[in-house]
Amino acid sequence: MRWALNIIGYVGFGLRLIWPGQELPSDLDPNAGQIRQIVSIMVLPTLALKILPFKWAREAYEGKINFLQYMNEFLHDKIEEAKRGGPQKEGMDIMGQLVQSKYGRNASPASESKDGVPNILNDSEIIGNAFIMIVAGHETTANTLHFALLELANNPGTQRRMQRDIDNLFNGADPSTWDYERSINALMASYTGAVVNETLRMMPPVTGIPKVVNPECDQRITINGREHVLPAGVSCALQIVCAQRNPRWWPTRPSERTGKPNDMDDFLPERWYRSRDELRGAKREGTVVDDVAVPEDKTDYGGFQGSDTSAALYRPVRGSYAPFSDGPRSCLGRRIAMVEMNAVLAVIFQKYSIELAVDDWASDEEVAKMSPAERRAVYARAQERSRQLLREADSVLTLKLHGGRHVPVRFVKRGCERFVADPELV
């Protein structure tokens, strides 16, 4: 969570935050902190949070008040900067761009749309958008990274393959020297990209995506050859988890792990290298799969009309993979999120490996004396527990482990692994 907050603070607002134990740099804002009790803040009115006699309510109230006070001060700093025509801060500074549109020297006067609503955001709306950017760009990305790390610990063979790709791409160079333009597309097309895609397929941060039919007209959709009418203004939800695990739309094989007829419930980043020809009935792009067209998709990643995956990886049938929603109202930050998650994994696993902790079954001294077979056996127990906990993840605003559930892990320097370097552990 802290890593994701630091990144969105830098990218979205030009802020630099610190890690515990770091000294305060001269250009860092000392007031920036972490928001707690986000769900409570979004669901309950401020007055209710203020009067409820619970610790969580007090934390939520104080967090909301501090956040609004900070953002008001931050907004006025941005306004003064825009009026002076000062340079944009480091990072994308999305909030600064919103302020520039209203207060900058080249800002156009406010106009109204046909229904009388101003086309330029007011100050309160700018702060509201900032809050949404923090929530959407913070917790969702953090949870996806969390699940990716656990799946890599659960699947040592996958971790080793990803590290080989990272080594080949960066050849041991320090991350501070990596060239974004040269490296990012290759990284997202590598096994690192496949790991991120598979994590989003298995554990999307938002499991049900709300949609509303255009209030001005009905919408007709065709499912299995039958036409259905959705009335104007009706609300519905896309159950992304179901779509992304539906074997009808994906190339599948019998599961080697569970013995099930298909492997859609298995974490397998290699599926993103499977040929589209494996999809049932699809012999080439542009044919029909179970009465549904498989469109020819030659667009590269990016933009709401493009794919959610790298052009070098498997391109799912549209609608079968939508962790960022789909269409013009899909997530504006998906490119940033994908770059962030791929970069984080590359930075970590260039020098480290992640292993499940086995402390509940054996001490470090006992592990050191174990034979390879004994180590595999104790690691299998940790894998079983971890996979069971992942199955217990549920969604409250976003998908995560709730109720104090957690999977203990260890980061170890590469070359010092006790378990995941074993080629027999897959």
Protein backbone atom coordinates (compact mmCIF):
# COMPACT_ATOMS: atom_id res chain seq x y z
CA MET A 1 0.00 0.00 0.00
CA ARG A 2 2.79 2.42 0.87
CA TRP A 3 4.62 1.66 -2.38
CA ALA A 4 1.47 2.30 -4.44
CA LEU A 5 0.74 5.51 -2.50
CA ASN A 6 4.26 6.81 -3.10
CA ILE A 7 3.95 6.17 -6.83
CA ILE A 8 0.51 7.73 -7.30
CA GLY A 9 1.60 10.69 -5.18
CA TYR A 10 4.57 11.26 -7.49
CA VAL A 11 2.82 10.51 -10.78
CA GLY A 12 -0.51 12.18 -10.04
CA PHE A 13 0.55 15.09 -7.88
CA GLY A 14 4.29 15.61 -8.23
CA LEU A 15 4.79 14.75 -4.55
CA ARG A 16 7.68 12.83 -3.10
CA LEU A 17 6.89 10.77 0.01
CA ILE A 18 9.29 8.89 2.27
CA TRP A 19 9.76 5.38 3.56
CA PRO A 20 10.00 4.63 7.29
CA GLY A 21 13.49 5.42 8.51
CA GLN A 22 14.29 7.84 5.69
CA GLU A 23 15.34 11.39 6.42
CA LEU A 24 13.07 14.16 5.17
CA PRO A 25 14.42 15.56 1.86
CA SER A 26 14.26 19.34 1.47
CA ASP A 27 11.76 19.10 -1.43
CA LEU A 28 9.34 16.75 0.32
CA ASP A 29 6.05 17.82 1.87
CA PRO A 30 6.06 16.70 5.55
CA ASN A 31 2.25 16.72 5.78
CA ALA A 32 1.59 14.00 3.20
CA GLY A 33 0.43 10.75 4.80
CA GLN A 34 -1.63 7.64 4.32
CA ILE A 35 -5.43 7.66 4.26
CA ARG A 36 -7.08 5.08 6.52
CA GLN A 37 -10.62 3.69 6.61
CA ILE A 38 -11.26 4.60 2.96
CA VAL A 39 -14.47 2.53 2.76
CA SER A 40 -15.95 4.28 5.81
CA ILE A 41 -15.04 7.69 4.41
CA MET A 42 -16.76 6.92 1.12
CA VAL A 43 -19.91 5.35 2.61
CA LEU A 44 -20.70 7.41 5.71
CA PRO A 45 -21.38 11.16 5.99
CA THR A 46 -18.86 13.28 7.87
CA LEU A 47 -21.25 13.98 10.76
CA ALA A 48 -21.82 10.26 11.35
CA LEU A 49 -18.07 9.62 11.46
CA LYS A 50 -17.68 12.47 13.94
CA ILE A 51 -20.26 11.25 16.47
CA LEU A 52 -19.90 7.45 16.25
CA PRO A 53 -18.09 6.17 19.40
CA PHE A 54 -15.73 3.78 17.61
CA LYS A 55 -12.01 3.90 16.98
CA TRP A 56 -12.43 3.19 13.27
CA ALA A 57 -14.92 6.07 12.98
CA ARG A 58 -12.54 8.43 14.76
CA GLU A 59 -9.69 7.39 12.45
CA ALA A 60 -11.91 7.86 9.40
CA TYR A 61 -13.11 11.29 10.55
CA GLU A 62 -9.63 12.53 11.37
CA GLY A 63 -8.29 11.12 8.11
CA LYS A 64 -11.00 12.81 6.05
CA ILE A 65 -10.60 16.19 7.77
CA ASN A 66 -6.80 16.07 7.47
CA PHE A 67 -7.03 15.01 3.83
CA LEU A 68 -9.45 17.81 2.92
CA GLN A 69 -7.40 20.40 4.78
CA TYR A 70 -4.22 19.25 3.09
CA MET A 71 -5.81 19.10 -0.36
CA ASN A 72 -7.29 22.60 0.05
CA GLU A 73 -3.84 23.96 0.88
CA PHE A 74 -2.32 21.96 -1.95
CA LEU A 75 -5.00 23.24 -4.36
CA HIS A 76 -4.29 26.86 -3.49
CA ASP A 77 -0.56 26.27 -4.02
CA LYS A 78 -1.39 24.88 -7.45
CA ILE A 79 -3.65 27.83 -8.22
CA GLU A 80 -0.90 30.32 -7.37
CA GLU A 81 1.54 28.31 -9.45
CA ALA A 82 -0.87 28.28 -12.40
CA LYS A 83 -1.50 32.03 -12.20
CA ARG A 84 2.25 32.69 -12.17
CA GLY A 85 2.67 30.37 -15.13
CA GLY A 86 5.23 28.44 -13.12
CA PRO A 87 6.77 25.18 -14.33
CA GLN A 88 4.98 21.90 -13.77
CA LYS A 89 6.36 19.76 -10.96
CA GLU A 90 7.95 16.38 -11.47
CA GLY A 91 5.72 13.53 -12.57
CA MET A 92 2.55 13.83 -14.63
CA ASP A 93 0.96 16.18 -12.06
CA ILE A 94 -2.60 15.38 -13.13
CA MET A 95 -4.06 17.68 -10.48
CA GLY A 96 -1.87 20.52 -11.72
CA GLN A 97 -3.26 20.04 -15.21
CA LEU A 98 -6.85 20.26 -13.89
CA VAL A 99 -5.96 23.49 -12.11
CA GLN A 100 -4.25 24.86 -15.22
CA SER A 101 -7.44 24.33 -17.23
CA LYS A 102 -9.26 26.75 -14.92
CA TYR A 103 -6.64 29.13 -13.58
CA GLY A 104 -3.74 28.97 -16.04
CA ARG A 105 -2.82 31.86 -18.29
CA ASN A 106 -4.24 30.04 -21.31
CA ALA A 107 -7.43 28.91 -19.56
CA SER A 108 -10.62 29.58 -21.50
CA PRO A 109 -13.56 31.28 -19.76
CA ALA A 110 -16.12 28.95 -18.21
CA SER A 111 -18.89 27.93 -20.57
CA GLU A 112 -22.01 25.89 -20.04
CA SER A 113 -23.15 22.74 -21.78
CA LYS A 114 -26.62 22.45 -23.27
CA ASP A 115 -28.08 21.36 -19.91
CA GLY A 116 -26.62 24.35 -18.07
CA VAL A 117 -23.75 22.52 -16.38
CA PRO A 118 -20.36 24.33 -16.47
CA ASN A 119 -17.72 22.62 -18.61
CA ILE A 120 -14.90 23.52 -16.20
CA LEU A 121 -14.51 21.80 -12.83
CA ASN A 122 -14.92 23.91 -9.72
CA ASP A 123 -12.48 23.70 -6.80
CA SER A 124 -14.54 21.13 -4.90
CA GLU A 125 -14.75 18.92 -7.99
CA ILE A 126 -11.00 19.14 -8.52
CA ILE A 127 -10.44 17.94 -4.94
CA GLY A 128 -13.06 15.20 -5.44
CA ASN A 129 -11.26 13.99 -8.55
CA ALA A 130 -7.98 14.03 -6.64
CA PHE A 131 -9.51 11.78 -3.96
CA ILE A 132 -10.82 9.35 -6.58
CA MET A 133 -7.41 9.28 -8.30
CA ILE A 134 -5.76 8.40 -4.99
CA VAL A 135 -8.28 5.65 -4.18
CA ALA A 136 -8.36 4.20 -7.71
CA GLY A 137 -4.61 4.48 -8.21
CA HIS A 138 -3.60 3.37 -4.73
CA GLU A 139 -5.59 0.51 -3.25
CA THR A 140 -6.44 -1.34 -6.48
CA THR A 141 -2.83 -1.39 -7.65
CA ALA A 142 -1.56 -2.35 -4.19
CA ASN A 143 -3.96 -5.29 -3.95
CA THR A 144 -3.01 -6.56 -7.39
CA LEU A 145 0.68 -6.37 -6.50
CA HIS A 146 -0.08 -8.20 -3.25
CA PHE A 147 -1.78 -11.07 -5.08
CA ALA A 148 0.98 -11.17 -7.71
CA LEU A 149 3.65 -11.52 -5.03
CA LEU A 150 1.74 -14.33 -3.31
CA GLU A 151 1.19 -16.20 -6.57
CA LEU A 152 4.88 -15.90 -7.40
CA ALA A 153 5.71 -17.36 -3.99
CA ASN A 154 3.18 -20.13 -4.59
CA ASN A 155 4.64 -20.92 -8.02
CA PRO A 156 8.46 -21.03 -7.88
CA GLY A 157 8.79 -22.13 -11.52
CA THR A 158 6.87 -19.04 -12.64
CA GLN A 159 9.07 -16.84 -10.47
CA ARG A 160 12.26 -18.28 -11.91
CA ARG A 161 11.05 -17.81 -15.49
CA MET A 162 10.08 -14.20 -14.81
CA GLN A 163 13.50 -13.50 -13.30
CA ARG A 164 15.19 -14.91 -16.43
CA ASP A 165 13.25 -12.47 -18.59
CA ILE A 166 14.13 -9.57 -16.27
CA ASP A 167 17.81 -10.54 -16.44
CA ASN A 168 17.71 -10.70 -20.23
CA LEU A 169 15.98 -7.34 -20.52
CA PHE A 170 18.13 -5.32 -18.13
CA ASN A 171 21.38 -7.30 -17.92
CA GLY A 172 21.91 -6.39 -14.27
CA ALA A 173 21.72 -2.62 -14.83
CA ASP A 174 20.61 -0.51 -11.87
CA PRO A 175 16.92 0.49 -12.13
CA SER A 176 17.87 4.18 -11.94
CA THR A 177 19.51 3.77 -15.37
CA TRP A 178 16.62 1.96 -17.11
CA ASP A 179 15.31 3.66 -20.22
CA TYR A 180 11.52 3.85 -20.18
CA GLU A 181 10.98 4.34 -23.91
CA ARG A 182 13.27 1.47 -24.80
CA SER A 183 12.24 -0.97 -22.09
CA ILE A 184 8.56 -0.63 -21.20
CA ASN A 185 6.99 -2.35 -24.22
CA ALA A 186 9.49 -5.20 -24.00
CA LEU A 187 8.83 -5.54 -20.26
CA MET A 188 5.06 -5.66 -20.73
CA ALA A 189 5.48 -8.29 -23.45
CA SER A 190 7.78 -10.38 -21.25
CA TYR A 191 6.88 -12.95 -18.62
CA THR A 192 6.55 -10.07 -16.16
CA GLY A 193 3.69 -8.71 -18.26
CA ALA A 194 2.15 -12.17 -18.40
CA VAL A 195 2.31 -12.42 -14.59
CA VAL A 196 0.51 -9.07 -14.21
CA ASN A 197 -2.13 -10.05 -16.78
CA GLU A 198 -2.75 -13.41 -15.14
CA THR A 199 -3.04 -11.83 -11.69
CA LEU A 200 -5.63 -9.38 -13.04
CA ARG A 201 -7.48 -12.27 -14.68
CA MET A 202 -7.57 -14.38 -11.53
CA MET A 203 -7.96 -11.65 -8.89
CA PRO A 204 -9.26 -8.42 -10.50
CA PRO A 205 -9.30 -5.57 -7.96
CA VAL A 206 -12.93 -4.76 -8.81
CA THR A 207 -14.98 -7.94 -9.26
CA GLY A 208 -18.26 -6.36 -10.34
CA ILE A 209 -18.23 -3.33 -12.62
CA PRO A 210 -21.39 -1.18 -12.50
CA LYS A 211 -22.83 0.06 -15.79
CA VAL A 212 -25.91 2.14 -16.68
CA VAL A 213 -27.77 2.06 -20.00
CA ASN A 214 -27.99 5.42 -21.75
CA PRO A 215 -31.00 7.12 -20.11
CA GLU A 216 -32.18 8.46 -23.47
CA CYS A 217 -32.71 5.16 -25.26
CA ASP A 218 -32.97 1.38 -24.87
CA GLN A 219 -29.99 -0.79 -25.75
CA ARG A 220 -30.15 -4.07 -27.64
CA ILE A 221 -27.62 -6.80 -27.00
CA THR A 222 -27.24 -10.29 -28.48
CA ILE A 223 -26.35 -13.26 -26.28
CA ASN A 224 -26.06 -16.76 -27.72
CA GLY A 225 -27.88 -15.66 -30.84
CA ARG A 226 -30.85 -14.18 -28.95
CA GLU A 227 -31.59 -10.47 -28.85
CA HIS A 228 -32.38 -8.82 -25.52
CA VAL A 229 -33.52 -5.27 -24.77
CA LEU A 230 -32.07 -3.35 -21.83
CA PRO A 231 -34.41 -0.48 -20.90
CA ALA A 232 -33.09 3.07 -20.87
CA GLY A 233 -31.46 3.98 -17.57
CA VAL A 234 -31.35 0.45 -16.20
CA SER A 235 -28.40 -0.43 -13.95
CA CYS A 236 -26.44 -3.65 -14.31
CA ALA A 237 -23.10 -5.07 -13.22
CA LEU A 238 -20.49 -6.94 -15.24
CA GLN A 239 -19.29 -9.93 -13.21
CA ILE A 240 -15.68 -9.79 -14.31
CA VAL A 241 -14.50 -12.77 -12.28
CA CYS A 242 -16.99 -15.03 -14.05
CA ALA A 243 -16.13 -13.76 -17.52
CA GLN A 244 -12.38 -14.05 -16.94
CA ARG A 245 -12.64 -17.67 -15.78
CA ASN A 246 -15.11 -18.81 -18.44
CA PRO A 247 -13.45 -21.55 -20.54
CA ARG A 248 -15.72 -20.70 -23.44
CA TRP A 249 -13.62 -17.65 -24.29
CA TRP A 250 -10.11 -18.86 -23.47
CA PRO A 251 -7.72 -21.49 -24.79
CA THR A 252 -7.73 -24.11 -22.05
CA ARG A 253 -6.14 -27.42 -21.21
CA PRO A 254 -6.92 -30.01 -18.54
CA SER A 255 -5.60 -28.80 -15.20
CA GLU A 256 -2.38 -30.55 -14.17
CA ARG A 257 -2.81 -29.21 -10.64
CA THR A 258 -6.40 -30.16 -9.84
CA GLY A 259 -7.41 -32.66 -12.53
CA LYS A 260 -10.34 -30.46 -13.61
CA PRO A 261 -11.37 -30.48 -17.30
CA ASN A 262 -9.88 -26.98 -17.73
CA ASP A 263 -7.18 -24.88 -16.08
CA MET A 264 -9.09 -21.59 -15.75
CA ASP A 265 -8.78 -21.67 -11.94
CA ASP A 266 -5.00 -22.18 -12.12
CA PHE A 267 -2.48 -19.33 -12.01
CA LEU A 268 -0.67 -19.87 -15.33
CA PRO A 269 1.02 -16.82 -16.87
CA GLU A 270 2.11 -19.05 -19.76
CA ARG A 271 -1.50 -19.02 -21.01
CA TRP A 272 -0.73 -15.53 -22.34
CA TYR A 273 1.66 -17.12 -24.81
CA ARG A 274 -0.87 -19.65 -26.06
CA SER A 275 -1.96 -19.31 -29.65
CA ARG A 276 -5.39 -17.91 -30.47
CA ASP A 277 -5.79 -21.02 -32.64
CA GLU A 278 -6.28 -23.00 -29.42
CA LEU A 279 -9.55 -21.19 -28.82
CA ARG A 280 -12.39 -23.54 -29.68
CA GLY A 281 -13.49 -23.13 -33.28
CA ALA A 282 -11.08 -20.27 -34.02
CA LYS A 283 -8.69 -21.20 -36.84
CA ARG A 284 -7.74 -17.63 -37.66
CA GLU A 285 -8.57 -14.13 -36.48
CA GLY A 286 -11.91 -12.90 -37.72
CA THR A 287 -13.69 -16.28 -37.51
CA VAL A 288 -16.58 -17.11 -35.21
CA VAL A 289 -16.33 -18.86 -31.84
CA ASP A 290 -19.64 -20.28 -30.60
CA ASP A 291 -21.55 -17.67 -32.67
CA VAL A 292 -19.45 -14.80 -31.31
CA ALA A 293 -17.03 -12.97 -33.59
CA VAL A 294 -13.33 -12.97 -32.72
CA PRO A 295 -12.33 -9.53 -34.03
CA GLU A 296 -9.05 -8.89 -35.74
CA ASP A 297 -7.16 -6.69 -33.31
CA LYS A 298 -4.06 -4.98 -34.62
CA THR A 299 -4.06 -2.00 -32.26
CA ASP A 300 -1.27 -1.68 -29.74
CA TYR A 301 -1.85 -1.33 -26.01
CA GLY A 302 -3.39 1.92 -24.79
CA GLY A 303 -6.52 4.01 -25.25
CA PHE A 304 -10.03 2.80 -24.42
CA GLN A 305 -10.46 1.33 -27.91
CA GLY A 306 -7.27 -0.69 -27.63
CA SER A 307 -6.53 -3.92 -25.82
CA ASP A 308 -5.73 -4.32 -22.14
CA THR A 309 -2.75 -6.50 -23.03
CA SER A 310 0.50 -6.13 -24.93
CA ALA A 311 0.28 -6.78 -28.67
CA ALA A 312 2.92 -9.51 -28.22
CA LEU A 313 0.74 -11.53 -25.83
CA TYR A 314 -2.53 -13.41 -26.24
CA ARG A 315 -5.45 -11.12 -27.04
CA PRO A 316 -8.66 -12.39 -25.38
CA VAL A 317 -12.06 -12.02 -27.03
CA ARG A 318 -13.39 -8.59 -26.14
CA GLY A 319 -15.46 -8.75 -22.96
CA SER A 320 -13.77 -11.88 -21.62
CA TYR A 321 -10.97 -9.87 -19.99
CA ALA A 322 -11.85 -6.46 -18.58
CA PRO A 323 -10.04 -5.78 -15.28
CA PHE A 324 -10.13 -2.06 -16.11
CA SER A 325 -13.72 -2.17 -17.42
CA ASP A 326 -14.24 -1.48 -21.13
CA GLY A 327 -15.29 1.29 -23.46
CA PRO A 328 -15.07 5.09 -23.14
CA ARG A 329 -15.72 4.90 -19.37
CA SER A 330 -13.00 2.36 -18.71
CA CYS A 331 -10.25 3.17 -16.20
CA LEU A 332 -8.29 6.25 -17.24
CA GLY A 333 -5.27 5.08 -15.29
CA ARG A 334 -4.86 1.61 -16.78
CA ARG A 335 -1.67 2.47 -18.67
CA ILE A 336 -0.15 4.01 -15.54
CA ALA A 337 -1.23 1.00 -13.45
CA MET A 338 0.23 -1.52 -15.91
CA VAL A 339 3.52 0.34 -16.14
CA GLU A 340 3.67 0.67 -12.36
CA MET A 341 2.98 -3.02 -11.63
CA ASN A 342 5.42 -4.26 -14.26
CA ALA A 343 8.12 -1.88 -13.06
CA VAL A 344 7.63 -2.79 -9.40
CA LEU A 345 7.96 -6.51 -10.11
CA ALA A 346 11.02 -5.94 -12.29
CA VAL A 347 12.76 -3.84 -9.62
CA ILE A 348 12.05 -6.34 -6.84
CA PHE A 349 12.83 -9.56 -8.66
CA GLN A 350 15.98 -8.32 -10.34
CA LYS A 351 17.72 -8.71 -6.97
CA TYR A 352 15.32 -10.64 -4.74
CA SER A 353 13.15 -13.74 -4.65
CA ILE A 354 10.03 -14.25 -2.56
CA GLU A 355 9.36 -17.42 -0.55
CA LEU A 356 6.49 -18.53 1.62
CA ALA A 357 7.49 -18.55 5.29
CA VAL A 358 7.45 -22.04 6.83
CA ASP A 359 8.02 -20.94 10.44
CA ASP A 360 4.81 -22.62 11.58
CA TRP A 361 6.24 -26.02 10.66
CA ALA A 362 10.02 -25.71 10.91
CA SER A 363 12.65 -23.34 12.33
CA ASP A 364 15.50 -21.94 10.26
CA GLU A 365 17.87 -24.41 11.88
CA GLU A 366 15.59 -27.34 11.06
CA VAL A 367 15.21 -26.19 7.44
CA ALA A 368 19.00 -25.95 7.10
CA LYS A 369 19.30 -29.65 8.01
CA MET A 370 16.53 -30.86 5.67
CA SER A 371 17.06 -32.88 2.53
CA PRO A 372 15.65 -31.44 -0.75
CA ALA A 373 12.66 -33.79 -0.49
CA GLU A 374 11.92 -32.66 3.06
CA ARG A 375 12.11 -29.01 2.03
CA ARG A 376 9.65 -29.63 -0.80
CA ALA A 377 7.29 -31.31 1.62
CA VAL A 378 7.29 -28.44 4.12
CA TYR A 379 6.96 -25.88 1.31
CA ALA A 380 3.97 -27.80 -0.05
CA ARG A 381 2.23 -27.26 3.30
CA ALA A 382 2.87 -23.52 3.04
CA GLN A 383 1.57 -23.53 -0.56
CA GLU A 384 -1.62 -25.31 0.50
CA ARG A 385 -2.28 -22.75 3.24
CA SER A 386 -1.53 -19.81 0.98
CA ARG A 387 -3.83 -21.02 -1.80
CA GLN A 388 -6.62 -21.63 0.67
CA LEU A 389 -6.29 -18.09 2.02
CA LEU A 390 -6.36 -16.68 -1.51
CA ARG A 391 -9.64 -18.51 -2.09
CA GLU A 392 -11.04 -16.67 0.95
CA ALA A 393 -10.37 -13.21 -0.51
CA ASP A 394 -13.53 -11.15 -0.81
CA SER A 395 -14.56 -7.76 -2.10
CA VAL A 396 -15.28 -4.71 0.06
CA LEU A 397 -14.77 -1.84 -2.36
CA THR A 398 -11.84 -3.82 -3.75
CA LEU A 399 -10.84 -7.49 -3.69
CA LYS A 400 -8.39 -8.29 -0.91
CA LEU A 401 -7.76 -10.41 2.17
CA HIS A 402 -9.94 -9.11 5.00
CA GLY A 403 -10.36 -9.89 8.68
CA GLY A 404 -6.66 -10.00 9.49
CA ARG A 405 -5.98 -12.79 6.98
CA HIS A 406 -2.45 -12.74 5.63
CA VAL A 407 0.14 -15.02 4.09
CA PRO A 408 3.60 -14.83 5.72
CA VAL A 409 6.44 -14.50 3.20
CA ARG A 410 10.12 -13.71 3.11
CA PHE A 411 12.12 -11.71 0.60
CA VAL A 412 15.59 -13.19 0.13
CA LYS A 413 18.58 -12.11 -1.92
CA ARG A 414 18.83 -14.05 -5.15
CA GLY A 415 21.28 -16.87 -4.67
CA CYS A 416 20.28 -17.29 -1.03
CA GLU A 417 16.92 -18.99 -1.58
CA ARG A 418 16.03 -22.00 0.53
CA PHE A 419 13.10 -23.21 -1.58
CA VAL A 420 12.15 -21.45 -4.82
CA ALA A 421 15.48 -22.09 -6.58
CA ASP A 422 14.76 -25.84 -6.44
CA PRO A 423 13.94 -26.88 -10.07
CA GLU A 424 11.63 -29.58 -8.70
CA LEU A 425 9.40 -26.93 -7.15
CA VAL A 426 7.06 -25.63 -9.85
